[in-house]
Amino acid sequence: MIKKTLYFGNPAYLSLRNAQLVIKLPEVENNNTLPEAMKRQSEVTKPIEDLGVVVLDNKQITITSGAMEALLENNCALITCDSKSMPVGLMLPLYGNTTQNERFREQLAASLPLKKQLWQQTIQMKINNQAAVLSICTKEESKCMHIWANDVRSGDPDNMEARAAAYYWKTLFADLNGFTRDREGIPPNNLLNYGYAILRAIVARGLVTSGLLPTLGIHHHNRYNAYCLADDIMEPYRPFVDKLVFDLYCQYGEDVSLTKDIKAALLSIPTLEVRINKKRTPLMIAVGQTTASLYKCFSGELRRIVYPEF
């Protein structure tokens, strides 16, 4: 079952009652001009088991410890945002799988050659998916992208990822003067940042559910990054976010900002339809298949990670 994403951009009080997330709006409850019946109707409940991602984007949101505990026990990713509405924090469960200790050992014991081979597969799929985005959005075949994907060696020592990325961004937003992919760059970098943050939370949640440590990457190694493995595994999924952002850019123009409608569109990322194992499925479900296959690579059951494609 596809898990739901809840976004809170206004003051709210979140609590737990009978395995339900209870949502109350202080602005309604404290309004003495409204009838009591309307105030009672404003209270909403959501089954905890249906939730996969919860985004808190207001400084006046209160959430009880019981509600947080129930969300985390249900493997729900809890995202907090800063004053600019950009995701700044991520809370995940410590124990997401019944055989977690065994899976940790398999992950820790993974050899360097295996990690390099897995990174090779990851970058090959990322570049091929980027080529598909260019074909869809710009009508260019971009044969060079497929050549670079085929040329990726174990561990990508030639940095084909960077070569492909330079061409990809230059071509995708060719009509946007001065665009470069930079976190602090001009729009639609702001949309890409937001979308990637949501994607990162989905992948980190999937890794925890599969009993893996999101910290220990197969390629990324940063002493200050708690989600190196999530950053690795999300790479082939980024083009799906890019395609969504490109569509929003075409619809709203080059000065597109993070409005309510834009956020709503980006929060649909978990439900984006992707193709994996020759079947169409929501992105969040596909991530679960990817992370499950990653564990099987660590344990020796598989030799390839299962990734989505266009």
Protein backbone atom coordinates (compact mmCIF):
# COMPACT_ATOMS: atom_id res chain seq x y z
CA MET A 1 0.00 0.00 0.00
CA ILE A 2 1.29 3.47 -0.91
CA LYS A 3 1.87 5.57 2.18
CA LYS A 4 0.48 9.10 2.36
CA THR A 5 2.42 12.36 2.71
CA LEU A 6 1.03 14.98 5.10
CA TYR A 7 2.12 18.62 4.91
CA PHE A 8 1.46 21.16 7.66
CA GLY A 9 2.09 24.79 6.72
CA ASN A 10 -0.14 26.45 9.32
CA PRO A 11 -0.23 26.34 13.14
CA ALA A 12 -1.44 22.92 14.28
CA TYR A 13 -1.61 20.69 17.32
CA LEU A 14 -0.80 17.04 16.56
CA SER A 15 -1.52 14.31 19.08
CA LEU A 16 -2.29 10.60 19.28
CA ARG A 17 -5.60 8.88 19.97
CA ASN A 18 -6.44 5.22 19.28
CA ALA A 19 -3.59 4.77 16.76
CA GLN A 20 -4.82 7.87 14.92
CA LEU A 21 -2.98 11.14 14.36
CA VAL A 22 -5.32 13.82 15.70
CA ILE A 23 -5.01 17.18 13.95
CA LYS A 24 -6.38 20.30 15.62
CA LEU A 25 -6.13 23.86 14.29
CA PRO A 26 -5.59 26.46 17.07
CA GLU A 27 -6.74 29.27 14.76
CA VAL A 28 -10.15 27.59 14.58
CA GLU A 29 -10.39 26.40 18.18
CA ASN A 30 -9.45 29.81 19.61
CA ASN A 31 -11.87 31.72 17.38
CA ASN A 32 -14.77 32.64 19.66
CA THR A 33 -16.89 33.81 16.75
CA LEU A 34 -17.26 30.27 15.39
CA PRO A 35 -19.97 27.89 16.61
CA GLU A 36 -18.87 24.91 18.71
CA ALA A 37 -20.15 22.44 16.14
CA MET A 38 -17.84 23.92 13.50
CA LYS A 39 -14.89 23.78 15.91
CA ARG A 40 -15.50 20.08 16.56
CA GLN A 41 -15.75 19.38 12.84
CA SER A 42 -12.38 21.03 12.28
CA GLU A 43 -10.68 18.18 14.17
CA VAL A 44 -9.29 15.65 11.70
CA THR A 45 -7.86 12.18 12.31
CA LYS A 46 -5.53 10.12 10.11
CA PRO A 47 -4.58 6.47 10.67
CA ILE A 48 -0.91 6.34 11.68
CA GLU A 49 -0.35 3.19 9.62
CA ASP A 50 -1.30 5.09 6.42
CA LEU A 51 1.44 7.73 6.80
CA GLY A 52 4.89 7.55 5.19
CA VAL A 53 6.11 11.16 5.31
CA VAL A 54 5.05 14.08 7.53
CA VAL A 55 6.34 17.59 6.76
CA LEU A 56 6.22 20.27 9.49
CA ASP A 57 6.57 23.74 7.96
CA ASN A 58 5.45 26.19 10.63
CA LYS A 59 7.08 27.36 13.86
CA GLN A 60 3.74 27.17 15.68
CA ILE A 61 3.20 23.45 15.19
CA THR A 62 3.04 21.38 18.38
CA ILE A 63 3.42 17.61 18.23
CA THR A 64 3.19 15.36 21.27
CA SER A 65 5.81 12.78 22.19
CA GLY A 66 3.19 10.06 21.81
CA ALA A 67 2.41 11.11 18.25
CA MET A 68 6.11 11.19 17.32
CA GLU A 69 6.66 7.76 18.87
CA ALA A 70 3.74 6.26 16.94
CA LEU A 71 4.89 7.82 13.65
CA LEU A 72 8.45 6.53 14.05
CA GLU A 73 7.28 3.06 15.10
CA ASN A 74 5.35 3.02 11.83
CA ASN A 75 8.56 3.83 9.87
CA CYS A 76 7.30 7.31 9.03
CA ALA A 77 9.84 9.99 8.03
CA LEU A 78 9.31 13.23 9.98
CA ILE A 79 10.65 16.33 8.19
CA THR A 80 11.02 19.80 9.75
CA CYS A 81 11.51 22.98 7.72
CA ASP A 82 13.34 26.26 8.36
CA SER A 83 12.05 29.84 8.10
CA LYS A 84 12.46 29.68 4.30
CA SER A 85 10.26 26.55 4.16
CA MET A 86 13.23 24.40 3.15
CA PRO A 87 13.56 20.96 4.80
CA VAL A 88 16.23 21.24 7.47
CA GLY A 89 15.77 18.16 9.69
CA LEU A 90 14.82 14.51 9.31
CA MET A 91 13.74 12.08 12.02
CA LEU A 92 13.71 8.33 11.37
CA PRO A 93 13.15 5.22 13.51
CA LEU A 94 16.21 3.56 15.08
CA TYR A 95 14.84 0.09 14.40
CA GLY A 96 13.05 -0.44 11.12
CA ASN A 97 13.57 -4.17 10.56
CA THR A 98 13.27 -7.28 12.73
CA THR A 99 16.67 -8.66 11.60
CA GLN A 100 18.44 -5.33 11.87
CA ASN A 101 21.59 -6.56 13.68
CA GLU A 102 22.22 -9.23 11.05
CA ARG A 103 21.68 -6.74 8.25
CA PHE A 104 24.01 -4.20 9.82
CA ARG A 105 26.76 -6.85 9.89
CA GLU A 106 26.21 -7.69 6.21
CA GLN A 107 26.39 -4.01 5.31
CA LEU A 108 29.53 -3.41 7.38
CA ALA A 109 31.23 -6.47 5.87
CA ALA A 110 30.66 -5.33 2.26
CA SER A 111 33.97 -5.34 0.37
CA LEU A 112 35.37 -2.31 -1.45
CA PRO A 113 35.16 -4.03 -4.88
CA LEU A 114 31.46 -4.75 -4.25
CA LYS A 115 30.79 -1.13 -3.28
CA LYS A 116 32.58 0.08 -6.41
CA GLN A 117 30.50 -2.25 -8.60
CA LEU A 118 27.29 -1.06 -6.95
CA TRP A 119 28.33 2.56 -7.51
CA GLN A 120 29.05 1.78 -11.16
CA GLN A 121 25.51 0.40 -11.56
CA THR A 122 24.07 3.42 -9.74
CA ILE A 123 25.79 5.98 -11.96
CA GLN A 124 25.02 4.08 -15.15
CA MET A 125 21.32 4.10 -14.30
CA LYS A 126 21.41 7.75 -13.24
CA ILE A 127 22.96 8.85 -16.55
CA ASN A 128 20.55 6.71 -18.59
CA ASN A 129 17.61 8.22 -16.70
CA GLN A 130 19.02 11.71 -17.28
CA ALA A 131 19.23 10.90 -20.99
CA ALA A 132 15.57 9.84 -20.90
CA VAL A 133 14.61 13.17 -19.29
CA LEU A 134 16.45 15.09 -22.01
CA SER A 135 14.69 13.04 -24.68
CA ILE A 136 11.27 13.73 -23.12
CA CYS A 137 11.79 17.41 -22.24
CA THR A 138 14.02 18.68 -25.06
CA LYS A 139 13.34 16.07 -27.78
CA GLU A 140 17.11 15.49 -28.04
CA GLU A 141 18.40 11.92 -28.25
CA SER A 142 21.66 12.77 -26.42
CA LYS A 143 23.59 9.75 -27.68
CA CYS A 144 26.65 11.01 -25.80
CA MET A 145 24.82 10.38 -22.50
CA HIS A 146 24.32 6.70 -23.33
CA ILE A 147 27.97 6.45 -24.42
CA TRP A 148 29.11 7.95 -21.11
CA ALA A 149 26.81 5.58 -19.21
CA ASN A 150 28.35 2.58 -20.98
CA ASP A 151 31.84 3.93 -20.26
CA VAL A 152 31.33 4.11 -16.49
CA ARG A 153 33.84 1.77 -14.85
CA SER A 154 33.80 0.20 -11.40
CA GLY A 155 33.82 3.04 -8.86
CA ASP A 156 33.54 5.63 -11.70
CA PRO A 157 37.24 6.64 -11.50
CA ASP A 158 36.86 8.73 -14.69
CA ASN A 159 34.05 10.75 -13.07
CA MET A 160 31.60 10.16 -15.90
CA GLU A 161 28.88 11.30 -13.51
CA ALA A 162 30.25 14.87 -13.49
CA ARG A 163 30.78 14.92 -17.27
CA ALA A 164 27.22 13.80 -17.87
CA ALA A 165 25.84 16.24 -15.28
CA ALA A 166 27.53 19.23 -16.94
CA TYR A 167 25.97 18.38 -20.29
CA TYR A 168 22.63 17.44 -18.73
CA TRP A 169 21.99 20.70 -16.89
CA LYS A 170 23.28 22.83 -19.77
CA THR A 171 20.88 21.07 -22.15
CA LEU A 172 17.82 20.71 -19.90
CA PHE A 173 17.61 24.43 -19.11
CA ALA A 174 19.27 25.68 -22.30
CA ASP A 175 16.82 28.58 -22.64
CA LEU A 176 17.45 29.81 -19.08
CA ASN A 177 20.35 32.25 -19.26
CA GLY A 178 22.98 31.77 -16.57
CA PHE A 179 21.53 28.58 -15.09
CA THR A 180 23.89 26.23 -13.28
CA ARG A 181 22.97 23.54 -10.77
CA ASP A 182 23.80 25.19 -7.45
CA ARG A 183 21.98 25.02 -4.11
CA GLU A 184 22.15 28.82 -3.85
CA GLY A 185 21.59 29.41 -7.56
CA ILE A 186 18.73 31.00 -9.47
CA PRO A 187 15.33 29.30 -9.83
CA PRO A 188 14.44 26.53 -10.40
CA ASN A 189 17.33 25.50 -8.12
CA ASN A 190 15.00 26.23 -5.19
CA LEU A 191 12.50 23.68 -6.50
CA LEU A 192 15.24 21.11 -7.10
CA ASN A 193 16.52 21.61 -3.53
CA TYR A 194 13.05 21.06 -2.08
CA GLY A 195 12.32 18.06 -4.29
CA TYR A 196 15.64 16.40 -3.51
CA ALA A 197 15.09 16.89 0.23
CA ILE A 198 11.75 15.07 -0.02
CA LEU A 199 13.35 12.34 -2.14
CA ARG A 200 16.21 11.97 0.34
CA ALA A 201 13.75 11.44 3.19
CA ILE A 202 11.88 8.78 1.19
CA VAL A 203 15.11 6.91 0.39
CA ALA A 204 16.41 7.18 3.97
CA ARG A 205 13.09 5.79 5.21
CA GLY A 206 13.35 2.92 2.73
CA LEU A 207 16.87 2.08 3.88
CA VAL A 208 15.82 1.97 7.54
CA THR A 209 12.82 -0.19 6.65
CA SER A 210 15.21 -2.60 4.89
CA GLY A 211 17.37 -2.76 8.00
CA LEU A 212 20.30 -0.75 6.63
CA LEU A 213 22.30 2.12 8.08
CA PRO A 214 21.66 5.29 6.02
CA THR A 215 25.00 6.67 7.28
CA LEU A 216 27.36 4.12 5.67
CA GLY A 217 27.53 4.92 1.96
CA ILE A 218 28.85 2.85 -0.93
CA HIS A 219 30.48 5.98 -2.38
CA HIS A 220 29.68 9.15 -0.43
CA HIS A 221 31.88 9.50 2.66
CA ASN A 222 31.43 12.65 4.71
CA ARG A 223 32.02 12.77 8.43
CA TYR A 224 29.32 15.44 8.77
CA ASN A 225 26.67 13.63 6.67
CA ALA A 226 24.34 11.22 8.47
CA TYR A 227 22.72 10.04 5.22
CA CYS A 228 25.58 9.09 2.89
CA LEU A 229 23.91 5.86 1.74
CA ALA A 230 20.64 7.69 1.08
CA ASP A 231 22.57 10.19 -1.05
CA ASP A 232 24.10 7.29 -2.98
CA ILE A 233 20.91 5.35 -3.63
CA MET A 234 18.78 8.37 -4.53
CA GLU A 235 21.00 9.26 -7.53
CA PRO A 236 19.03 7.32 -10.20
CA TYR A 237 15.80 8.74 -8.73
CA ARG A 238 16.87 12.38 -9.10
CA PRO A 239 15.88 12.57 -12.81
CA PHE A 240 12.25 11.86 -11.84
CA VAL A 241 12.35 14.95 -9.62
CA ASP A 242 14.10 16.88 -12.41
CA LYS A 243 11.31 16.01 -14.84
CA LEU A 244 8.67 17.24 -12.38
CA VAL A 245 10.59 20.48 -11.75
CA PHE A 246 11.05 21.03 -15.49
CA ASP A 247 7.29 20.72 -16.00
CA LEU A 248 6.66 23.23 -13.19
CA TYR A 249 9.26 25.60 -14.68
CA CYS A 250 7.52 25.42 -18.06
CA GLN A 251 4.16 26.10 -16.41
CA TYR A 252 5.13 28.93 -14.04
CA GLY A 253 8.13 30.57 -15.74
CA GLU A 254 11.74 31.26 -14.80
CA ASP A 255 10.90 33.18 -11.59
CA VAL A 256 9.04 30.22 -10.09
CA SER A 257 9.03 30.23 -6.29
CA LEU A 258 7.98 27.83 -3.54
CA THR A 259 4.31 28.76 -3.39
CA LYS A 260 1.64 26.58 -1.83
CA ASP A 261 0.75 25.07 -5.21
CA ILE A 262 4.39 24.36 -6.06
CA LYS A 263 4.98 22.65 -2.72
CA ALA A 264 1.85 20.56 -3.22
CA ALA A 265 3.20 19.42 -6.58
CA LEU A 266 6.62 18.57 -5.13
CA LEU A 267 5.03 16.70 -2.23
CA SER A 268 3.52 14.36 -4.81
CA ILE A 269 7.00 12.90 -5.42
CA PRO A 270 6.26 9.73 -3.38
CA THR A 271 3.36 8.95 -5.72
CA LEU A 272 5.15 9.65 -9.03
CA GLU A 273 4.76 6.69 -11.34
CA VAL A 274 8.02 4.95 -12.27
CA ARG A 275 8.90 1.72 -14.07
CA ILE A 276 10.84 -0.88 -12.09
CA ASN A 277 11.15 -4.60 -12.77
CA LYS A 278 9.12 -3.96 -15.95
CA LYS A 279 6.12 -2.78 -13.91
CA ARG A 280 4.64 0.66 -13.22
CA THR A 281 4.56 1.57 -9.54
CA PRO A 282 4.59 4.64 -7.26
CA LEU A 283 8.07 5.97 -6.50
CA MET A 284 7.86 5.22 -2.77
CA ILE A 285 7.09 1.56 -3.48
CA ALA A 286 9.96 1.44 -5.99
CA VAL A 287 12.35 2.82 -3.38
CA GLY A 288 11.41 -0.07 -1.10
CA GLN A 289 12.27 -2.53 -3.89
CA THR A 290 15.59 -0.76 -4.47
CA THR A 291 16.64 -0.79 -0.82
CA ALA A 292 15.55 -4.43 -0.43
CA SER A 293 17.69 -5.37 -3.44
CA LEU A 294 20.63 -3.43 -2.00
CA TYR A 295 20.55 -5.57 1.13
CA LYS A 296 20.47 -8.70 -1.03
CA CYS A 297 23.59 -7.41 -2.81
CA PHE A 298 25.30 -7.01 0.57
CA SER A 299 24.24 -10.54 1.61
CA GLY A 300 25.33 -12.08 -1.71
CA GLU A 301 21.84 -13.02 -2.93
CA LEU A 302 21.95 -10.53 -5.83
CA ARG A 303 24.66 -8.94 -7.94
CA ARG A 304 22.71 -5.90 -9.13
CA ILE A 305 20.64 -3.20 -7.43
CA VAL A 306 17.11 -2.88 -8.79
CA TYR A 307 16.57 0.71 -9.97
CA PRO A 308 13.68 2.44 -11.77
CA GLU A 309 13.76 3.71 -15.33
CA PHE A 310 11.59 5.84 -17.59
